[in-house]
Amino acid sequence: MQKTYYDPADLKKFGKISEWNEELGSKFFDYYNSVFKEGKLSEREKSLIALAVAHTIQCPYCIDAYTGDGLQRGITKEEMIEALHVAAAIRGGASLVHGVQMMNKVNKLDG
């Protein structure tokens, strides 16, 4: 029995997702690969952004992939953890700012 719901070996199978719909799979991978090409942001910067987003959306495959990618691009563990804290701060702030909706509702009902 697997110890985790996510099988790390599945990450290597990602490219096979196109097998059941070649047209859409090809379009996705064309887009995906274009996004990560050098542009106004370097490939290194994009990898670090991807790692932070991966933690925010809690995708273990993405965390695995972009941790390895980042190391290959010379991103240090200190840079990775700082990016992770940025992601955590944004996620935490987003949760807290939604508290304003709760406050508004309480004020309306108490009003």
PDB file of N, CA and C in Angstrom:
ATOM      1  N   MET A   1       0.837  -1.185   0.000  1.00  0.00           N
ATOM      2  CA  MET A   1       0.000   0.000   0.000  1.00  0.00           C
ATOM      3  C   MET A   1       0.881   1.247   0.000  1.00  0.00           C
ATOM      4  N   GLN A   2       0.486   2.248  -0.768  1.00  0.00           N
ATOM      5  CA  GLN A   2       1.213   3.508  -0.808  1.00  0.00           C
ATOM      6  C   GLN A   2       1.127   4.221   0.524  1.00  0.00           C
ATOM      7  N   LYS A   3       2.188   4.933   0.870  1.00  0.00           N
ATOM      8  CA  LYS A   3       2.191   5.712   2.102  1.00  0.00           C
ATOM      9  C   LYS A   3       1.535   7.072   1.902  1.00  0.00           C
ATOM     10  N   THR A   4       1.414   7.504   0.672  1.00  0.00           N
ATOM     11  CA  THR A   4       0.837   8.803   0.374  1.00  0.00           C
ATOM     12  C   THR A   4      -0.100   8.678  -0.820  1.00  0.00           C
ATOM     13  N   TYR A   5      -1.072   9.539  -0.874  1.00  0.00           N
ATOM     14  CA  TYR A   5      -2.008   9.549  -1.985  1.00  0.00           C
ATOM     15  C   TYR A   5      -1.295   9.891  -3.290  1.00  0.00           C
ATOM     16  N   TYR A   6      -0.301  10.747  -3.203  1.00  0.00           N
ATOM     17  CA  TYR A   6       0.469  11.165  -4.371  1.00  0.00           C
ATOM     18  C   TYR A   6       1.663  10.246  -4.554  1.00  0.00           C
ATOM     19  N   ASP A   7       1.776   9.668  -5.722  1.00  0.00           N
ATOM     20  CA  ASP A   7       2.902   8.804  -6.034  1.00  0.00           C
ATOM     21  C   ASP A   7       3.952   9.640  -6.761  1.00  0.00           C
ATOM     22  N   PRO A   8       5.130   9.816  -6.178  1.00  0.00           N
ATOM     23  CA  PRO A   8       6.170  10.624  -6.826  1.00  0.00           C
ATOM     24  C   PRO A   8       6.493  10.159  -8.245  1.00  0.00           C
ATOM     25  N   ALA A   9       6.320   8.888  -8.528  1.00  0.00           N
ATOM     26  CA  ALA A   9       6.597   8.373  -9.878  1.00  0.00           C
ATOM     27  C   ALA A   9       5.641   8.957 -10.912  1.00  0.00           C
ATOM     28  N   ASP A  10       4.467   9.412 -10.459  1.00  0.00           N
ATOM     29  CA  ASP A  10       3.497   9.985 -11.392  1.00  0.00           C
ATOM     30  C   ASP A  10       3.990  11.274 -12.038  1.00  0.00           C
ATOM     31  N   LEU A  11       4.865  11.997 -11.370  1.00  0.00           N
ATOM     32  CA  LEU A  11       5.393  13.241 -11.940  1.00  0.00           C
ATOM     33  C   LEU A  11       6.039  12.974 -13.292  1.00  0.00           C
ATOM     34  N   LYS A  12       6.742  11.866 -13.407  1.00  0.00           N
ATOM     35  CA  LYS A  12       7.409  11.519 -14.674  1.00  0.00           C
ATOM     36  C   LYS A  12       6.411  11.136 -15.764  1.00  0.00           C
ATOM     37  N   LYS A  13       5.183  10.867 -15.389  1.00  0.00           N
ATOM     38  CA  LYS A  13       4.151  10.483 -16.354  1.00  0.00           C
ATOM     39  C   LYS A  13       3.338  11.684 -16.851  1.00  0.00           C
ATOM     40  N   PHE A  14       3.659  12.867 -16.375  1.00  0.00           N
ATOM     41  CA  PHE A  14       2.868  14.061 -16.697  1.00  0.00           C
ATOM     42  C   PHE A  14       2.699  14.251 -18.199  1.00  0.00           C
ATOM     43  N   GLY A  15       3.738  14.043 -18.953  1.00  0.00           N
ATOM     44  CA  GLY A  15       3.666  14.209 -20.407  1.00  0.00           C
ATOM     45  C   GLY A  15       2.664  13.285 -21.072  1.00  0.00           C
ATOM     46  N   LYS A  16       2.353  12.180 -20.423  1.00  0.00           N
ATOM     47  CA  LYS A  16       1.408  11.213 -20.991  1.00  0.00           C
ATOM     48  C   LYS A  16      -0.044  11.679 -20.881  1.00  0.00           C
ATOM     49  N   ILE A  17      -0.279  12.775 -20.172  1.00  0.00           N
ATOM     50  CA  ILE A  17      -1.645  13.264 -20.013  1.00  0.00           C
ATOM     51  C   ILE A  17      -2.253  13.628 -21.369  1.00  0.00           C
ATOM     52  N   SER A  18      -1.407  13.866 -22.361  1.00  0.00           N
ATOM     53  CA  SER A  18      -1.871  14.206 -23.709  1.00  0.00           C
ATOM     54  C   SER A  18      -2.400  13.002 -24.475  1.00  0.00           C
ATOM     55  N   GLU A  19      -2.104  11.802 -24.020  1.00  0.00           N
ATOM     56  CA  GLU A  19      -2.473  10.602 -24.774  1.00  0.00           C
ATOM     57  C   GLU A  19      -3.979  10.479 -25.001  1.00  0.00           C
ATOM     58  N   TRP A  20      -4.772  10.956 -24.084  1.00  0.00           N
ATOM     59  CA  TRP A  20      -6.222  10.809 -24.228  1.00  0.00           C
ATOM     60  C   TRP A  20      -6.855  11.961 -24.993  1.00  0.00           C
ATOM     61  N   ASN A  21      -6.089  13.040 -25.189  1.00  0.00           N
ATOM     62  CA  ASN A  21      -6.562  14.145 -26.021  1.00  0.00           C
ATOM     63  C   ASN A  21      -5.331  14.894 -26.517  1.00  0.00           C
ATOM     64  N   GLU A  22      -4.806  14.416 -27.621  1.00  0.00           N
ATOM     65  CA  GLU A  22      -3.553  14.938 -28.172  1.00  0.00           C
ATOM     66  C   GLU A  22      -3.645  16.433 -28.479  1.00  0.00           C
ATOM     67  N   GLU A  23      -4.749  16.870 -29.052  1.00  0.00           N
ATOM     68  CA  GLU A  23      -4.894  18.270 -29.444  1.00  0.00           C
ATOM     69  C   GLU A  23      -4.801  19.201 -28.241  1.00  0.00           C
ATOM     70  N   LEU A  24      -5.597  18.940 -27.222  1.00  0.00           N
ATOM     71  CA  LEU A  24      -5.586  19.814 -26.053  1.00  0.00           C
ATOM     72  C   LEU A  24      -4.292  19.670 -25.260  1.00  0.00           C
ATOM     73  N   GLY A  25      -3.787  18.457 -25.171  1.00  0.00           N
ATOM     74  CA  GLY A  25      -2.517  18.245 -24.475  1.00  0.00           C
ATOM     75  C   GLY A  25      -1.387  19.012 -25.131  1.00  0.00           C
ATOM     76  N   SER A  26      -1.330  18.961 -26.452  1.00  0.00           N
ATOM     77  CA  SER A  26      -0.288  19.695 -27.184  1.00  0.00           C
ATOM     78  C   SER A  26      -0.418  21.198 -26.982  1.00  0.00           C
ATOM     79  N   LYS A  27      -1.647  21.685 -27.021  1.00  0.00           N
ATOM     80  CA  LYS A  27      -1.864  23.118 -26.807  1.00  0.00           C
ATOM     81  C   LYS A  27      -1.417  23.536 -25.410  1.00  0.00           C
ATOM     82  N   PHE A  28      -1.754  22.710 -24.414  1.00  0.00           N
ATOM     83  CA  PHE A  28      -1.338  23.035 -23.054  1.00  0.00           C
ATOM     84  C   PHE A  28       0.182  23.065 -22.945  1.00  0.00           C
ATOM     85  N   PHE A  29       0.854  22.031 -23.437  1.00  0.00           N
ATOM     86  CA  PHE A  29       2.308  21.974 -23.287  1.00  0.00           C
ATOM     87  C   PHE A  29       3.013  23.047 -24.116  1.00  0.00           C
ATOM     88  N   ASP A  30       2.452  23.419 -25.263  1.00  0.00           N
ATOM     89  CA  ASP A  30       3.017  24.545 -26.026  1.00  0.00           C
ATOM     90  C   ASP A  30       2.947  25.818 -25.188  1.00  0.00           C
ATOM     91  N   TYR A  31       1.776  26.054 -24.586  1.00  0.00           N
ATOM     92  CA  TYR A  31       1.599  27.227 -23.725  1.00  0.00           C
ATOM     93  C   TYR A  31       2.538  27.158 -22.522  1.00  0.00           C
ATOM     94  N   TYR A  32       2.522  26.042 -21.834  1.00  0.00           N
ATOM     95  CA  TYR A  32       3.336  25.847 -20.628  1.00  0.00           C
ATOM     96  C   TYR A  32       4.815  26.112 -20.919  1.00  0.00           C
ATOM     97  N   ASN A  33       5.309  25.523 -21.981  1.00  0.00           N
ATOM     98  CA  ASN A  33       6.724  25.712 -22.334  1.00  0.00           C
ATOM     99  C   ASN A  33       7.020  27.147 -22.740  1.00  0.00           C
ATOM    100  N   SER A  34       6.082  27.805 -23.397  1.00  0.00           N
ATOM    101  CA  SER A  34       6.270  29.215 -23.769  1.00  0.00           C
ATOM    102  C   SER A  34       6.343  30.107 -22.535  1.00  0.00           C
ATOM    103  N   VAL A  35       5.497  29.829 -21.557  1.00  0.00           N
ATOM    104  CA  VAL A  35       5.462  30.628 -20.327  1.00  0.00           C
ATOM    105  C   VAL A  35       6.816  30.609 -19.629  1.00  0.00           C
ATOM    106  N   PHE A  36       7.476  29.460 -19.624  1.00  0.00           N
ATOM    107  CA  PHE A  36       8.714  29.327 -18.860  1.00  0.00           C
ATOM    108  C   PHE A  36       9.974  29.698 -19.640  1.00  0.00           C
ATOM    109  N   LYS A  37       9.831  30.150 -20.885  1.00  0.00           N
ATOM    110  CA  LYS A  37      10.994  30.624 -21.645  1.00  0.00           C
ATOM    111  C   LYS A  37      11.436  31.984 -21.123  1.00  0.00           C
ATOM    112  N   GLU A  38      12.702  32.268 -21.318  1.00  0.00           N
ATOM    113  CA  GLU A  38      13.268  33.565 -20.949  1.00  0.00           C
ATOM    114  C   GLU A  38      12.452  34.681 -21.601  1.00  0.00           C
ATOM    115  N   GLY A  39      12.105  35.661 -20.829  1.00  0.00           N
ATOM    116  CA  GLY A  39      11.360  36.819 -21.322  1.00  0.00           C
ATOM    117  C   GLY A  39      11.819  38.024 -20.529  1.00  0.00           C
ATOM    118  N   LYS A  40      10.876  38.832 -20.093  1.00  0.00           N
ATOM    119  CA  LYS A  40      11.226  39.947 -19.202  1.00  0.00           C
ATOM    120  C   LYS A  40      11.737  39.401 -17.869  1.00  0.00           C
ATOM    121  N   LEU A  41      11.234  38.222 -17.502  1.00  0.00           N
ATOM    122  CA  LEU A  41      11.740  37.509 -16.330  1.00  0.00           C
ATOM    123  C   LEU A  41      12.666  36.397 -16.810  1.00  0.00           C
ATOM    124  N   SER A  42      13.689  36.138 -16.038  1.00  0.00           N
ATOM    125  CA  SER A  42      14.599  35.045 -16.384  1.00  0.00           C
ATOM    126  C   SER A  42      13.941  33.701 -16.087  1.00  0.00           C
ATOM    127  N   GLU A  43      14.473  32.643 -16.684  1.00  0.00           N
ATOM    128  CA  GLU A  43      13.977  31.297 -16.398  1.00  0.00           C
ATOM    129  C   GLU A  43      14.159  30.980 -14.910  1.00  0.00           C
ATOM    130  N   ARG A  44      15.209  31.490 -14.327  1.00  0.00           N
ATOM    131  CA  ARG A  44      15.488  31.292 -12.901  1.00  0.00           C
ATOM    132  C   ARG A  44      14.404  31.962 -12.047  1.00  0.00           C
ATOM    133  N   GLU A  45      14.061  33.206 -12.388  1.00  0.00           N
ATOM    134  CA  GLU A  45      13.010  33.918 -11.646  1.00  0.00           C
ATOM    135  C   GLU A  45      11.665  33.203 -11.785  1.00  0.00           C
ATOM    136  N   LYS A  46      11.375  32.728 -12.986  1.00  0.00           N
ATOM    137  CA  LYS A  46      10.118  32.026 -13.213  1.00  0.00           C
ATOM    138  C   LYS A  46      10.062  30.730 -12.415  1.00  0.00           C
ATOM    139  N   SER A  47      11.176  30.058 -12.288  1.00  0.00           N
ATOM    140  CA  SER A  47      11.233  28.834 -11.498  1.00  0.00           C
ATOM    141  C   SER A  47      10.951  29.119 -10.025  1.00  0.00           C
ATOM    142  N   LEU A  48      11.494  30.209  -9.522  1.00  0.00           N
ATOM    143  CA  LEU A  48      11.271  30.584  -8.124  1.00  0.00           C
ATOM    144  C   LEU A  48       9.811  30.981  -7.893  1.00  0.00           C
ATOM    145  N   ILE A  49       9.229  31.698  -8.844  1.00  0.00           N
ATOM    146  CA  ILE A  49       7.807  32.035  -8.758  1.00  0.00           C
ATOM    147  C   ILE A  49       6.976  30.754  -8.767  1.00  0.00           C
ATOM    148  N   ALA A  50       7.302  29.841  -9.662  1.00  0.00           N
ATOM    149  CA  ALA A  50       6.566  28.578  -9.749  1.00  0.00           C
ATOM    150  C   ALA A  50       6.649  27.803  -8.442  1.00  0.00           C
ATOM    151  N   LEU A  51       7.805  27.811  -7.811  1.00  0.00           N
ATOM    152  CA  LEU A  51       7.961  27.111  -6.538  1.00  0.00           C
ATOM    153  C   LEU A  51       7.074  27.731  -5.460  1.00  0.00           C
ATOM    154  N   ALA A  52       7.027  29.056  -5.402  1.00  0.00           N
ATOM    155  CA  ALA A  52       6.175  29.723  -4.414  1.00  0.00           C
ATOM    156  C   ALA A  52       4.702  29.442  -4.689  1.00  0.00           C
ATOM    157  N   VAL A  53       4.293  29.513  -5.937  1.00  0.00           N
ATOM    158  CA  VAL A  53       2.905  29.230  -6.297  1.00  0.00           C
ATOM    159  C   VAL A  53       2.569  27.769  -5.990  1.00  0.00           C
ATOM    160  N   ALA A  54       3.511  26.873  -6.253  1.00  0.00           N
ATOM    161  CA  ALA A  54       3.290  25.451  -5.978  1.00  0.00           C
ATOM    162  C   ALA A  54       2.951  25.220  -4.513  1.00  0.00           C
ATOM    163  N   HIS A  55       3.623  25.945  -3.639  1.00  0.00           N
ATOM    164  CA  HIS A  55       3.309  25.823  -2.216  1.00  0.00           C
ATOM    165  C   HIS A  55       1.945  26.431  -1.904  1.00  0.00           C
ATOM    166  N   THR A  56       1.614  27.524  -2.545  1.00  0.00           N
ATOM    167  CA  THR A  56       0.340  28.189  -2.300  1.00  0.00           C
ATOM    168  C   THR A  56      -0.826  27.297  -2.718  1.00  0.00           C
ATOM    169  N   ILE A  57      -0.698  26.633  -3.866  1.00  0.00           N
ATOM    170  CA  ILE A  57      -1.781  25.755  -4.320  1.00  0.00           C
ATOM    171  C   ILE A  57      -1.614  24.339  -3.765  1.00  0.00           C
ATOM    172  N   GLN A  58      -0.552  24.118  -3.026  1.00  0.00           N
ATOM    173  CA  GLN A  58      -0.261  22.853  -2.344  1.00  0.00           C
ATOM    174  C   GLN A  58      -0.225  21.664  -3.295  1.00  0.00           C
ATOM    175  N   CYS A  59       0.544  21.814  -4.366  1.00  0.00           N
ATOM    176  CA  CYS A  59       0.714  20.746  -5.354  1.00  0.00           C
ATOM    177  C   CYS A  59       2.043  20.032  -5.098  1.00  0.00           C
ATOM    178  N   PRO A  60       2.014  18.815  -4.557  1.00  0.00           N
ATOM    179  CA  PRO A  60       3.263  18.132  -4.255  1.00  0.00           C
ATOM    180  C   PRO A  60       4.098  17.833  -5.499  1.00  0.00           C
ATOM    181  N   TYR A  61       3.435  17.591  -6.628  1.00  0.00           N
ATOM    182  CA  TYR A  61       4.181  17.346  -7.860  1.00  0.00           C
ATOM    183  C   TYR A  61       4.948  18.599  -8.276  1.00  0.00           C
ATOM    184  N   CYS A  62       4.280  19.746  -8.198  1.00  0.00           N
ATOM    185  CA  CYS A  62       4.907  21.014  -8.575  1.00  0.00           C
ATOM    186  C   CYS A  62       6.035  21.377  -7.612  1.00  0.00           C
ATOM    187  N   ILE A  63       5.819  21.133  -6.325  1.00  0.00           N
ATOM    188  CA  ILE A  63       6.867  21.408  -5.337  1.00  0.00           C
ATOM    189  C   ILE A  63       8.095  20.568  -5.654  1.00  0.00           C
ATOM    190  N   ASP A  64       7.880  19.299  -5.934  1.00  0.00           N
ATOM    191  CA  ASP A  64       8.968  18.392  -6.303  1.00  0.00           C
ATOM    192  C   ASP A  64       9.687  18.908  -7.550  1.00  0.00           C
ATOM    193  N   ALA A  65       8.898  19.181  -8.585  1.00  0.00           N
ATOM    194  CA  ALA A  65       9.478  19.591  -9.870  1.00  0.00           C
ATOM    195  C   ALA A  65      10.255  20.902  -9.766  1.00  0.00           C
ATOM    196  N   TYR A  66       9.680  21.902  -9.108  1.00  0.00           N
ATOM    197  CA  TYR A  66      10.315  23.214  -9.092  1.00  0.00           C
ATOM    198  C   TYR A  66      11.371  23.361  -8.001  1.00  0.00           C
ATOM    199  N   THR A  67      11.390  22.457  -7.032  1.00  0.00           N
ATOM    200  CA  THR A  67      12.530  22.413  -6.121  1.00  0.00           C
ATOM    201  C   THR A  67      13.743  21.918  -6.892  1.00  0.00           C
ATOM    202  N   GLY A  68      13.576  20.827  -7.624  1.00  0.00           N
ATOM    203  CA  GLY A  68      14.674  20.299  -8.442  1.00  0.00           C
ATOM    204  C   GLY A  68      15.106  21.266  -9.523  1.00  0.00           C
ATOM    205  N   ASP A  69      14.133  21.869 -10.204  1.00  0.00           N
ATOM    206  CA  ASP A  69      14.440  22.832 -11.262  1.00  0.00           C
ATOM    207  C   ASP A  69      15.200  24.024 -10.698  1.00  0.00           C
ATOM    208  N   GLY A  70      14.747  24.497  -9.551  1.00  0.00           N
ATOM    209  CA  GLY A  70      15.402  25.646  -8.928  1.00  0.00           C
ATOM    210  C   GLY A  70      16.844  25.344  -8.545  1.00  0.00           C
ATOM    211  N   LEU A  71      17.064  24.173  -7.982  1.00  0.00           N
ATOM    212  CA  LEU A  71      18.443  23.793  -7.622  1.00  0.00           C
ATOM    213  C   LEU A  71      19.328  23.747  -8.859  1.00  0.00           C
ATOM    214  N   GLN A  72      18.801  23.220  -9.960  1.00  0.00           N
ATOM    215  CA  GLN A  72      19.566  23.168 -11.212  1.00  0.00           C
ATOM    216  C   GLN A  72      19.866  24.567 -11.743  1.00  0.00           C
ATOM    217  N   ARG A  73      19.030  25.518 -11.422  1.00  0.00           N
ATOM    218  CA  ARG A  73      19.229  26.896 -11.887  1.00  0.00           C
ATOM    219  C   ARG A  73      20.004  27.741 -10.884  1.00  0.00           C
ATOM    220  N   GLY A  74      20.493  27.112  -9.837  1.00  0.00           N
ATOM    221  CA  GLY A  74      21.322  27.828  -8.872  1.00  0.00           C
ATOM    222  C   GLY A  74      20.554  28.574  -7.797  1.00  0.00           C
ATOM    223  N   ILE A  75      19.273  28.292  -7.666  1.00  0.00           N
ATOM    224  CA  ILE A  75      18.493  28.923  -6.605  1.00  0.00           C
ATOM    225  C   ILE A  75      18.907  28.274  -5.287  1.00  0.00           C
ATOM    226  N   THR A  76      19.209  29.094  -4.316  1.00  0.00           N
ATOM    227  CA  THR A  76      19.689  28.579  -3.041  1.00  0.00           C
ATOM    228  C   THR A  76      18.518  28.199  -2.135  1.00  0.00           C
ATOM    229  N   LYS A  77      18.810  27.401  -1.127  1.00  0.00           N
ATOM    230  CA  LYS A  77      17.757  27.028  -0.179  1.00  0.00           C
ATOM    231  C   LYS A  77      17.258  28.252   0.575  1.00  0.00           C
ATOM    232  N   GLU A  78      18.125  29.234   0.782  1.00  0.00           N
ATOM    233  CA  GLU A  78      17.713  30.475   1.448  1.00  0.00           C
ATOM    234  C   GLU A  78      16.729  31.257   0.576  1.00  0.00           C
ATOM    235  N   GLU A  79      16.967  31.283  -0.728  1.00  0.00           N
ATOM    236  CA  GLU A  79      16.036  31.952  -1.643  1.00  0.00           C
ATOM    237  C   GLU A  79      14.704  31.196  -1.693  1.00  0.00           C
ATOM    238  N   MET A  80      14.796  29.869  -1.691  1.00  0.00           N
ATOM    239  CA  MET A  80      13.575  29.062  -1.730  1.00  0.00           C
ATOM    240  C   MET A  80      12.711  29.308  -0.503  1.00  0.00           C
ATOM    241  N   ILE A  81      13.308  29.305   0.675  1.00  0.00           N
ATOM    242  CA  ILE A  81      12.520  29.477   1.893  1.00  0.00           C
ATOM    243  C   ILE A  81      11.966  30.893   1.986  1.00  0.00           C
ATOM    244  N   GLU A  82      12.721  31.877   1.481  1.00  0.00           N
ATOM    245  CA  GLU A  82      12.206  33.251   1.471  1.00  0.00           C
ATOM    246  C   GLU A  82      10.991  33.357   0.545  1.00  0.00           C
ATOM    247  N   ALA A  83      11.074  32.715  -0.622  1.00  0.00           N
ATOM    248  CA  ALA A  83       9.940  32.706  -1.553  1.00  0.00           C
ATOM    249  C   ALA A  83       8.742  32.000  -0.927  1.00  0.00           C
ATOM    250  N   LEU A  84       9.001  30.924  -0.194  1.00  0.00           N
ATOM    251  CA  LEU A  84       7.931  30.203   0.485  1.00  0.00           C
ATOM    252  C   LEU A  84       7.248  31.093   1.525  1.00  0.00           C
ATOM    253  N   HIS A  85       8.043  31.872   2.246  1.00  0.00           N
ATOM    254  CA  HIS A  85       7.456  32.783   3.235  1.00  0.00           C
ATOM    255  C   HIS A  85       6.639  33.883   2.563  1.00  0.00           C
ATOM    256  N   VAL A  86       7.067  34.350   1.409  1.00  0.00           N
ATOM    257  CA  VAL A  86       6.263  35.332   0.662  1.00  0.00           C
ATOM    258  C   VAL A  86       4.922  34.706   0.304  1.00  0.00           C
ATOM    259  N   ALA A  87       4.955  33.475  -0.210  1.00  0.00           N
ATOM    260  CA  ALA A  87       3.716  32.785  -0.578  1.00  0.00           C
ATOM    261  C   ALA A  87       2.814  32.596   0.641  1.00  0.00           C
ATOM    262  N   ALA A  88       3.405  32.209   1.770  1.00  0.00           N
ATOM    263  CA  ALA A  88       2.625  31.999   2.991  1.00  0.00           C
ATOM    264  C   ALA A  88       2.013  33.303   3.488  1.00  0.00           C
ATOM    265  N   ALA A  89       2.757  34.393   3.386  1.00  0.00           N
ATOM    266  CA  ALA A  89       2.243  35.692   3.827  1.00  0.00           C
ATOM    267  C   ALA A  89       1.063  36.131   2.959  1.00  0.00           C
ATOM    268  N   ILE A  90       1.172  35.929   1.657  1.00  0.00           N
ATOM    269  CA  ILE A  90       0.078  36.292   0.756  1.00  0.00           C
ATOM    270  C   ILE A  90      -1.140  35.421   1.031  1.00  0.00           C
ATOM    271  N   ARG A  91      -0.918  34.118   1.204  1.00  0.00           N
ATOM    272  CA  ARG A  91      -2.040  33.220   1.479  1.00  0.00           C
ATOM    273  C   ARG A  91      -2.699  33.564   2.814  1.00  0.00           C
ATOM    274  N   GLY A  92      -1.890  33.821   3.827  1.00  0.00           N
ATOM    275  CA  GLY A  92      -2.431  34.200   5.130  1.00  0.00           C
ATOM    276  C   GLY A  92      -3.167  35.517   5.067  1.00  0.00           C
ATOM    277  N   GLY A  93      -2.595  36.483   4.373  1.00  0.00           N
ATOM    278  CA  GLY A  93      -3.246  37.780   4.226  1.00  0.00           C
ATOM    279  C   GLY A  93      -4.567  37.674   3.486  1.00  0.00           C
ATOM    280  N   ALA A  94      -4.603  36.820   2.472  1.00  0.00           N
ATOM    281  CA  ALA A  94      -5.846  36.626   1.720  1.00  0.00           C
ATOM    282  C   ALA A  94      -6.931  36.046   2.612  1.00  0.00           C
ATOM    283  N   SER A  95      -6.547  35.126   3.491  1.00  0.00           N
ATOM    284  CA  SER A  95      -7.525  34.571   4.438  1.00  0.00           C
ATOM    285  C   SER A  95      -8.023  35.655   5.379  1.00  0.00           C
ATOM    286  N   LEU A  96      -7.108  36.445   5.911  1.00  0.00           N
ATOM    287  CA  LEU A  96      -7.480  37.478   6.874  1.00  0.00           C
ATOM    288  C   LEU A  96      -8.324  38.582   6.254  1.00  0.00           C
ATOM    289  N   VAL A  97      -7.997  38.998   5.047  1.00  0.00           N
ATOM    290  CA  VAL A  97      -8.755  40.091   4.431  1.00  0.00           C
ATOM    291  C   VAL A  97     -10.202  39.675   4.179  1.00  0.00           C
ATOM    292  N   HIS A  98     -10.426  38.383   3.993  1.00  0.00           N
ATOM    293  CA  HIS A  98     -11.809  37.918   3.852  1.00  0.00           C
ATOM    294  C   HIS A  98     -12.580  38.045   5.160  1.00  0.00           C
ATOM    295  N   GLY A  99     -11.860  38.240   6.251  1.00  0.00           N
ATOM    296  CA  GLY A  99     -12.505  38.503   7.533  1.00  0.00           C
ATOM    297  C   GLY A  99     -13.320  39.781   7.511  1.00  0.00           C
ATOM    298  N   VAL A 100     -12.991  40.686   6.619  1.00  0.00           N
ATOM    299  CA  VAL A 100     -13.772  41.923   6.484  1.00  0.00           C
ATOM    300  C   VAL A 100     -15.206  41.579   6.087  1.00  0.00           C
ATOM    301  N   GLN A 101     -15.391  40.573   5.239  1.00  0.00           N
ATOM    302  CA  GLN A 101     -16.745  40.149   4.870  1.00  0.00           C
ATOM    303  C   GLN A 101     -17.506  39.680   6.104  1.00  0.00           C
ATOM    304  N   MET A 102     -16.821  38.909   6.960  1.00  0.00           N
ATOM    305  CA  MET A 102     -17.442  38.449   8.195  1.00  0.00           C
ATOM    306  C   MET A 102     -17.809  39.636   9.071  1.00  0.00           C
ATOM    307  N   MET A 103     -16.894  40.586   9.206  1.00  0.00           N
ATOM    308  CA  MET A 103     -17.139  41.759  10.038  1.00  0.00           C
ATOM    309  C   MET A 103     -18.323  42.560   9.502  1.00  0.00           C
ATOM    310  N   ASN A 104     -18.372  42.711   8.175  1.00  0.00           N
ATOM    311  CA  ASN A 104     -19.494  43.435   7.554  1.00  0.00           C
ATOM    312  C   ASN A 104     -20.816  42.746   7.846  1.00  0.00           C
ATOM    313  N   LYS A 105     -20.827  41.413   7.732  1.00  0.00           N
ATOM    314  CA  LYS A 105     -22.051  40.650   7.979  1.00  0.00           C
ATOM    315  C   LYS A 105     -22.480  40.768   9.441  1.00  0.00           C
ATOM    316  N   VAL A 106     -21.540  40.644  10.363  1.00  0.00           N
ATOM    317  CA  VAL A 106     -21.863  40.789  11.788  1.00  0.00           C
ATOM    318  C   VAL A 106     -22.409  42.176  12.055  1.00  0.00           C
ATOM    319  N   ASN A 107     -21.758  43.198  11.545  1.00  0.00           N
ATOM    320  CA  ASN A 107     -22.218  44.579  11.744  1.00  0.00           C
ATOM    321  C   ASN A 107     -23.619  44.791  11.177  1.00  0.00           C
ATOM    322  N   LYS A 108     -23.900  44.184  10.027  1.00  0.00           N
ATOM    323  CA  LYS A 108     -25.216  44.323   9.413  1.00  0.00           C
ATOM    324  C   LYS A 108     -26.276  43.629  10.267  1.00  0.00           C
ATOM    325  N   LEU A 109     -25.966  42.436  10.756  1.00  0.00           N
ATOM    326  CA  LEU A 109     -26.933  41.689  11.566  1.00  0.00           C
ATOM    327  C   LEU A 109     -27.120  42.290  12.943  1.00  0.00           C
ATOM    328  N   ASP A 110     -26.061  42.878  13.505  1.00  0.00           N
ATOM    329  CA  ASP A 110     -26.150  43.523  14.817  1.00  0.00           C
ATOM    330  C   ASP A 110     -26.806  44.893  14.748  1.00  0.00           C
ATOM    331  N   GLY A 111     -26.748  45.475  13.512  1.00  0.00           N
ATOM    332  CA  GLY A 111     -27.144  46.846  13.291  1.00  0.00           C
ATOM    333  C   GLY A 111     -28.535  47.179  13.576  1.00  0.00           C
TER     334      GLY A 111
END
